[in-house]
Amino acid sequence: MPQPAFLRKLTEVRLIVEPAAAERAAQRARPAALAALDAAFGDMEAALARSPPDYEAFDQADIRFHRAILQACDNDVLEQMSAMVYSALLVSFHATSRLRGRARASLPRHRAILEAIRGHRPRRAGAAMRRLVQSTAREIEALPRKRARH
């Protein structure tokens, strides 16, 4: 389990980068990028529909979803940066997705991002991404308390 301080710093980076990336993706996304987002979101849903839920598959699909957003920006520097950030992000997802109901609760937030990007609505995409990352930040802040209860 990574240190909460590291997870907070990672979330801070996400709050700086991801809402702007979602806005840019809504402006620039091409059909192939939208298909990648749709596929990743579908895989997230499928992972949670399994009995028991497959959180590893969910985390991997979640990573693909967020990387697809950066790729949809059509900016090589962002794509290169995503490799570093998202390898660390997988650690964050592992820490939070298994919390009771967290993965399932994130699906409507991801859907809102997807629909805003698909609809070429930059402000809505950025706001939806901000809400998603902020909800993750709240989960990270609660981690030490939740771990202590188990």
Protein backbone atom coordinates (compact mmCIF):
# COMPACT_ATOMS: atom_id res chain seq x y z
CA MET A 1 0.00 0.00 0.00
CA PRO A 2 1.54 3.32 -1.04
CA GLN A 3 1.86 6.12 1.46
CA PRO A 4 -1.13 8.49 1.62
CA ALA A 5 1.21 11.46 1.06
CA PHE A 6 2.31 10.02 -2.30
CA LEU A 7 -1.31 9.38 -3.30
CA ARG A 8 -2.23 12.97 -2.39
CA LYS A 9 0.59 14.35 -4.54
CA LEU A 10 -0.42 12.11 -7.42
CA THR A 11 -4.00 13.31 -7.09
CA GLU A 12 -2.77 16.90 -7.15
CA VAL A 13 -1.06 16.21 -10.49
CA ARG A 14 -4.25 14.62 -11.78
CA LEU A 15 -6.29 17.68 -10.76
CA ILE A 16 -3.90 19.89 -12.70
CA VAL A 17 -3.69 17.75 -15.85
CA GLU A 18 -6.81 15.64 -16.30
CA PRO A 19 -9.61 18.24 -16.39
CA ALA A 20 -7.69 20.23 -19.02
CA ALA A 21 -6.99 17.04 -20.95
CA ALA A 22 -10.68 16.11 -20.90
CA GLU A 23 -11.53 19.56 -22.25
CA ARG A 24 -8.96 19.22 -25.01
CA ALA A 25 -10.15 15.70 -25.83
CA ALA A 26 -13.70 17.01 -26.21
CA GLN A 27 -12.40 19.49 -28.77
CA ARG A 28 -10.13 17.12 -30.70
CA ALA A 29 -11.33 13.54 -30.26
CA ARG A 30 -11.50 11.57 -33.49
CA PRO A 31 -13.64 8.47 -34.03
CA ALA A 32 -10.79 6.09 -33.13
CA ALA A 33 -10.21 7.91 -29.83
CA LEU A 34 -13.92 7.78 -29.03
CA ALA A 35 -13.95 4.05 -29.82
CA ALA A 36 -11.03 3.52 -27.41
CA LEU A 37 -12.90 5.42 -24.67
CA ASP A 38 -16.08 3.42 -25.32
CA ALA A 39 -14.16 0.13 -25.21
CA ALA A 40 -12.39 0.99 -21.96
CA PHE A 41 -15.63 2.09 -20.32
CA GLY A 42 -17.37 -1.08 -21.50
CA ASP A 43 -14.56 -3.15 -20.00
CA MET A 44 -14.94 -1.29 -16.70
CA GLU A 45 -18.64 -2.16 -16.63
CA ALA A 46 -17.96 -5.78 -17.57
CA ALA A 47 -15.35 -6.18 -14.83
CA LEU A 48 -17.84 -5.10 -12.19
CA ALA A 49 -20.62 -7.26 -13.65
CA ARG A 50 -18.60 -10.40 -12.92
CA SER A 51 -19.29 -12.35 -9.77
CA PRO A 52 -17.22 -11.60 -7.82
CA PRO A 53 -16.20 -8.29 -9.40
CA ASP A 54 -12.81 -8.40 -11.11
CA TYR A 55 -11.11 -5.35 -9.62
CA GLU A 56 -7.82 -6.03 -11.40
CA ALA A 57 -9.60 -5.93 -14.78
CA PHE A 58 -11.50 -2.84 -13.64
CA ASP A 59 -8.26 -1.05 -12.72
CA GLN A 60 -6.65 -1.94 -16.06
CA ALA A 61 -9.70 -0.70 -17.99
CA ASP A 62 -9.79 2.46 -15.86
CA ILE A 63 -6.16 3.15 -16.78
CA ARG A 64 -6.98 2.61 -20.47
CA PHE A 65 -9.90 5.05 -20.14
CA HIS A 66 -7.72 7.81 -18.70
CA ARG A 67 -4.88 7.18 -21.15
CA ALA A 68 -7.35 7.26 -24.06
CA ILE A 69 -8.37 10.74 -22.95
CA LEU A 70 -4.77 11.94 -23.10
CA GLN A 71 -4.32 10.27 -26.48
CA ALA A 72 -7.47 11.98 -27.74
CA CYS A 73 -5.79 15.32 -27.05
CA ASP A 74 -3.51 14.64 -30.03
CA ASN A 75 -0.48 15.95 -28.14
CA ASP A 76 2.66 13.80 -28.16
CA VAL A 77 4.07 15.38 -25.00
CA LEU A 78 0.91 14.55 -23.04
CA GLU A 79 0.99 10.99 -24.34
CA GLN A 80 4.61 10.55 -23.20
CA MET A 81 3.81 12.06 -19.83
CA SER A 82 0.88 9.69 -19.45
CA ALA A 83 3.16 6.65 -19.31
CA MET A 84 4.87 7.94 -16.18
CA VAL A 85 1.76 9.27 -14.48
CA TYR A 86 -0.41 6.27 -15.21
CA SER A 87 2.03 3.66 -13.99
CA ALA A 88 1.87 5.50 -10.67
CA LEU A 89 -1.88 5.95 -11.06
CA LEU A 90 -2.38 2.20 -11.18
CA VAL A 91 -1.06 2.13 -7.62
CA SER A 92 -3.70 4.70 -6.64
CA PHE A 93 -6.47 2.73 -8.35
CA HIS A 94 -5.41 -0.44 -6.54
CA ALA A 95 -5.61 1.44 -3.26
CA THR A 96 -9.10 2.84 -3.83
CA SER A 97 -11.05 0.63 -6.25
CA ARG A 98 -11.48 -2.15 -3.72
CA LEU A 99 -13.06 0.10 -1.14
CA ARG A 100 -16.65 -0.88 -0.71
CA GLY A 101 -18.72 0.50 -3.58
CA ARG A 102 -16.02 2.89 -4.84
CA ALA A 103 -15.50 1.26 -8.25
CA ARG A 104 -19.22 0.97 -8.92
CA ALA A 105 -19.84 4.54 -7.73
CA SER A 106 -17.22 5.82 -10.17
CA LEU A 107 -19.01 4.45 -13.25
CA PRO A 108 -21.55 7.30 -13.58
CA ARG A 109 -18.70 9.81 -13.23
CA HIS A 110 -16.74 8.08 -15.98
CA ARG A 111 -19.87 7.92 -18.13
CA ALA A 112 -20.36 11.69 -17.71
CA ILE A 113 -16.81 12.29 -18.92
CA LEU A 114 -17.28 9.95 -21.87
CA GLU A 115 -20.57 11.54 -22.90
CA ALA A 116 -19.16 15.06 -22.64
CA ILE A 117 -16.16 14.15 -24.78
CA ARG A 118 -18.34 12.31 -27.28
CA GLY A 119 -20.65 15.34 -27.41
CA HIS A 120 -17.71 17.73 -27.94
CA ARG A 121 -18.57 19.66 -24.77
CA PRO A 122 -15.22 20.77 -23.35
CA ARG A 123 -16.44 22.57 -20.22
CA ARG A 124 -18.68 19.71 -19.26
CA ALA A 125 -15.86 17.20 -19.86
CA GLY A 126 -13.45 19.18 -17.69
CA ALA A 127 -15.97 19.62 -14.90
CA ALA A 128 -16.88 15.92 -14.96
CA MET A 129 -13.22 14.94 -14.77
CA ARG A 130 -12.64 17.36 -11.91
CA ARG A 131 -15.52 15.76 -9.97
CA LEU A 132 -14.11 12.29 -10.58
CA VAL A 133 -10.60 13.18 -9.41
CA GLN A 134 -11.97 15.10 -6.42
CA SER A 135 -13.99 12.05 -5.38
CA THR A 136 -10.81 10.00 -5.56
CA ALA A 137 -9.05 12.63 -3.45
CA ARG A 138 -11.74 12.25 -0.78
CA GLU A 139 -11.27 8.47 -0.80
CA ILE A 140 -7.52 8.88 -0.43
CA GLU A 141 -7.98 11.26 2.50
CA ALA A 142 -10.19 8.65 4.16
CA LEU A 143 -7.83 5.72 3.51
CA PRO A 144 -5.93 5.77 6.82
CA ARG A 145 -9.22 5.82 8.73
CA LYS A 146 -10.77 3.08 6.59
CA ARG A 147 -7.70 0.86 6.88
CA ALA A 148 -7.70 1.33 10.66
CA ARG A 149 -11.29 0.05 10.86
CA HIS A 150 -10.54 -3.22 9.06
